[in-house]
C-alpha cells in the first residue's frame, strides 16, 4: 500500500470518527437536556443537569484520547 493511500485512509477514518463522536455528543446532550428540563421548562433536578454535563466532558475526553491514539499510530 502506497504512502498516499495509507494517508488518505487514515484521514478518512479520523474524519469519520470525529463526525460520529460529534453526532453522538450532540444527540446525547440534547436528549438528556430535554429530559432534564421537563415539559414546563423548569429543571427537573440540578443533579441531572450536573451529571449530564460531567458525562459530556467524559465523552469529549474519550474522543480526544481516541484521536490522540490514532495520531500516535
N, C-alpha and C. Protein backbone atom coordinates (compact mmCIF):
# COMPACT_ATOMS: atom_id res chain seq x y z
N UNK A 1 0.85 -1.17 0.00
CA UNK A 1 0.00 0.00 0.00
C UNK A 1 0.90 1.24 0.00
N UNK A 2 0.64 2.13 -0.92
CA UNK A 2 1.48 3.32 -1.01
C UNK A 2 1.20 4.26 0.15
N UNK A 3 2.15 5.15 0.35
CA UNK A 3 2.05 6.11 1.45
C UNK A 3 0.84 7.04 1.27
N UNK A 4 0.54 7.41 0.03
CA UNK A 4 -0.59 8.31 -0.24
C UNK A 4 -1.91 7.62 0.09
N UNK A 5 -2.07 6.36 -0.27
CA UNK A 5 -3.29 5.62 0.04
C UNK A 5 -3.44 5.44 1.55
N UNK A 6 -2.33 5.14 2.20
CA UNK A 6 -2.37 4.96 3.65
C UNK A 6 -2.76 6.26 4.35
N UNK A 7 -2.20 7.38 3.89
CA UNK A 7 -2.52 8.68 4.47
C UNK A 7 -4.00 9.03 4.23
N UNK A 8 -4.47 8.78 3.02
CA UNK A 8 -5.87 9.07 2.71
C UNK A 8 -6.80 8.22 3.56
N UNK A 9 -6.45 6.97 3.78
CA UNK A 9 -7.27 6.08 4.61
C UNK A 9 -7.30 6.56 6.06
N UNK A 10 -6.18 6.99 6.58
CA UNK A 10 -6.11 7.48 7.96
C UNK A 10 -6.92 8.77 8.10
N UNK A 11 -6.80 9.68 7.13
CA UNK A 11 -7.55 10.94 7.18
C UNK A 11 -9.05 10.66 7.11
N UNK A 12 -9.45 9.75 6.22
CA UNK A 12 -10.87 9.40 6.11
C UNK A 12 -11.37 8.78 7.41
N UNK A 13 -10.59 7.87 8.01
CA UNK A 13 -11.00 7.22 9.25
C UNK A 13 -11.12 8.23 10.38
N UNK A 14 -10.19 9.17 10.47
CA UNK A 14 -10.27 10.19 11.53
C UNK A 14 -11.46 11.11 11.32
N UNK A 15 -11.74 11.49 10.08
CA UNK A 15 -12.90 12.35 9.81
C UNK A 15 -14.19 11.62 10.15
N UNK A 16 -14.28 10.34 9.81
CA UNK A 16 -15.47 9.56 10.14
C UNK A 16 -15.64 9.45 11.65
N UNK A 17 -14.54 9.18 12.36
CA UNK A 17 -14.60 9.05 13.81
C UNK A 17 -15.02 10.35 14.47
N UNK A 18 -14.44 11.45 14.04
CA UNK A 18 -14.79 12.75 14.61
C UNK A 18 -16.25 13.08 14.33
N UNK A 19 -16.72 12.79 13.14
CA UNK A 19 -18.12 13.03 12.80
C UNK A 19 -19.05 12.20 13.67
N UNK A 20 -18.73 10.93 13.86
CA UNK A 20 -19.56 10.05 14.68
C UNK A 20 -19.57 10.51 16.14
N UNK A 21 -18.41 10.88 16.65
CA UNK A 21 -18.32 11.34 18.04
C UNK A 21 -19.11 12.63 18.22
N UNK A 22 -18.96 13.57 17.29
CA UNK A 22 -19.70 14.83 17.40
C UNK A 22 -21.20 14.59 17.34
N UNK A 23 -21.63 13.71 16.45
CA UNK A 23 -23.06 13.41 16.35
C UNK A 23 -23.57 12.77 17.64
N UNK A 24 -22.83 11.80 18.18
CA UNK A 24 -23.25 11.15 19.42
C UNK A 24 -23.31 12.13 20.58
N UNK A 25 -22.33 13.03 20.66
CA UNK A 25 -22.32 14.01 21.75
C UNK A 25 -23.53 14.93 21.64
N UNK A 26 -23.80 15.43 20.45
CA UNK A 26 -24.93 16.36 20.27
C UNK A 26 -26.25 15.67 20.56
N UNK A 27 -26.44 14.47 20.01
CA UNK A 27 -27.70 13.76 20.22
C UNK A 27 -27.90 13.42 21.69
N UNK A 28 -26.85 12.92 22.34
CA UNK A 28 -26.96 12.57 23.75
C UNK A 28 -27.22 13.79 24.61
N UNK A 29 -26.50 14.87 24.36
CA UNK A 29 -26.67 16.08 25.16
C UNK A 29 -28.08 16.65 25.00
N UNK A 30 -28.56 16.72 23.77
CA UNK A 30 -29.91 17.25 23.54
C UNK A 30 -30.96 16.36 24.19
N UNK A 31 -30.78 15.04 24.07
CA UNK A 31 -31.74 14.12 24.66
C UNK A 31 -31.76 14.23 26.18
N UNK A 32 -30.60 14.28 26.79
CA UNK A 32 -30.53 14.39 28.25
C UNK A 32 -31.09 15.73 28.72
N UNK A 33 -30.76 16.81 28.01
CA UNK A 33 -31.26 18.12 28.43
C UNK A 33 -32.78 18.22 28.26
N UNK A 34 -33.31 17.53 27.26
CA UNK A 34 -34.77 17.53 27.08
C UNK A 34 -35.45 16.91 28.30
N UNK A 35 -34.89 15.81 28.77
CA UNK A 35 -35.45 15.18 29.96
C UNK A 35 -35.16 15.98 31.22
N UNK A 36 -33.99 16.61 31.27
CA UNK A 36 -33.62 17.37 32.48
C UNK A 36 -34.47 18.62 32.64
N UNK A 37 -34.84 19.26 31.54
CA UNK A 37 -35.61 20.50 31.64
C UNK A 37 -37.09 20.26 31.89
N UNK A 38 -37.60 19.11 31.55
CA UNK A 38 -39.00 18.81 31.79
C UNK A 38 -39.90 19.50 30.79
N UNK A 39 -41.17 19.26 30.91
CA UNK A 39 -42.14 19.79 29.95
C UNK A 39 -42.42 21.27 30.15
N UNK A 40 -42.38 21.74 31.38
CA UNK A 40 -42.74 23.13 31.65
C UNK A 40 -41.55 24.08 31.59
N UNK A 41 -40.37 23.60 31.26
CA UNK A 41 -39.20 24.46 31.13
C UNK A 41 -38.38 24.61 32.39
N UNK A 42 -38.92 24.17 33.53
CA UNK A 42 -38.15 24.24 34.77
C UNK A 42 -37.32 22.96 34.90
N UNK A 43 -36.09 23.08 35.36
CA UNK A 43 -35.26 21.87 35.51
C UNK A 43 -35.88 20.88 36.48
N UNK A 44 -35.84 19.62 36.10
CA UNK A 44 -36.36 18.57 36.98
C UNK A 44 -35.46 18.45 38.19
N UNK A 45 -34.15 18.43 37.95
CA UNK A 45 -33.20 18.28 39.04
C UNK A 45 -31.87 18.88 38.63
N UNK A 46 -31.25 19.61 39.52
CA UNK A 46 -29.94 20.17 39.23
C UNK A 46 -28.89 19.06 39.15
N UNK A 47 -29.11 17.97 39.90
CA UNK A 47 -28.18 16.85 39.87
C UNK A 47 -28.16 16.22 38.47
N UNK A 48 -29.31 16.09 37.85
CA UNK A 48 -29.39 15.53 36.49
C UNK A 48 -28.62 16.40 35.51
N UNK A 49 -28.77 17.72 35.64
CA UNK A 49 -28.05 18.63 34.77
C UNK A 49 -26.54 18.52 34.98
N UNK A 50 -26.10 18.49 36.22
CA UNK A 50 -24.67 18.39 36.51
C UNK A 50 -24.10 17.06 36.02
N UNK A 51 -24.85 15.98 36.20
CA UNK A 51 -24.38 14.68 35.73
C UNK A 51 -24.28 14.63 34.21
N UNK A 52 -25.24 15.24 33.52
CA UNK A 52 -25.17 15.25 32.05
C UNK A 52 -24.00 16.09 31.57
N UNK A 53 -23.70 17.19 32.24
CA UNK A 53 -22.54 18.00 31.86
C UNK A 53 -21.25 17.23 32.11
N UNK A 54 -21.17 16.52 33.24
CA UNK A 54 -19.97 15.72 33.54
C UNK A 54 -19.83 14.59 32.52
N UNK A 55 -20.94 13.98 32.14
CA UNK A 55 -20.88 12.90 31.15
C UNK A 55 -20.42 13.43 29.80
N UNK A 56 -20.84 14.62 29.42
CA UNK A 56 -20.39 15.18 28.14
C UNK A 56 -18.90 15.49 28.17
N UNK A 57 -18.39 15.92 29.31
CA UNK A 57 -16.94 16.15 29.44
C UNK A 57 -16.19 14.84 29.31
N UNK A 58 -16.70 13.78 29.92
CA UNK A 58 -16.07 12.47 29.81
C UNK A 58 -16.09 11.99 28.37
N UNK A 59 -17.21 12.18 27.67
CA UNK A 59 -17.30 11.75 26.28
C UNK A 59 -16.33 12.52 25.40
N UNK A 60 -16.20 13.83 25.61
CA UNK A 60 -15.27 14.63 24.83
C UNK A 60 -13.83 14.21 25.13
N UNK A 61 -13.54 13.92 26.39
CA UNK A 61 -12.20 13.45 26.76
C UNK A 61 -11.90 12.12 26.10
N UNK A 62 -12.86 11.21 26.06
CA UNK A 62 -12.67 9.92 25.40
C UNK A 62 -12.39 10.11 23.92
N UNK A 63 -13.11 11.03 23.28
CA UNK A 63 -12.88 11.29 21.86
C UNK A 63 -11.48 11.87 21.64
N UNK A 64 -11.06 12.75 22.52
CA UNK A 64 -9.71 13.35 22.39
C UNK A 64 -8.63 12.29 22.56
N UNK A 65 -8.81 11.39 23.52
CA UNK A 65 -7.83 10.33 23.73
C UNK A 65 -7.80 9.39 22.53
N UNK A 66 -8.95 9.09 21.96
CA UNK A 66 -9.00 8.23 20.78
C UNK A 66 -8.30 8.89 19.60
N UNK A 67 -8.53 10.16 19.39
CA UNK A 67 -7.87 10.88 18.30
C UNK A 67 -6.37 10.94 18.53
N UNK A 68 -5.95 11.16 19.77
CA UNK A 68 -4.52 11.18 20.07
C UNK A 68 -3.89 9.82 19.83
N UNK A 69 -4.59 8.76 20.19
CA UNK A 69 -4.07 7.42 19.97
C UNK A 69 -3.94 7.12 18.48
N UNK A 70 -4.90 7.58 17.68
CA UNK A 70 -4.82 7.39 16.24
C UNK A 70 -3.67 8.18 15.62
N UNK A 71 -3.41 9.35 16.16
CA UNK A 71 -2.31 10.16 15.63
C UNK A 71 -0.95 9.58 15.96
N UNK A 72 -0.83 8.91 17.11
CA UNK A 72 0.45 8.30 17.50
C UNK A 72 0.75 7.13 16.60
N UNK A 73 -0.26 6.34 16.31
CA UNK A 73 -0.04 5.17 15.45
C UNK A 73 0.01 5.61 14.04
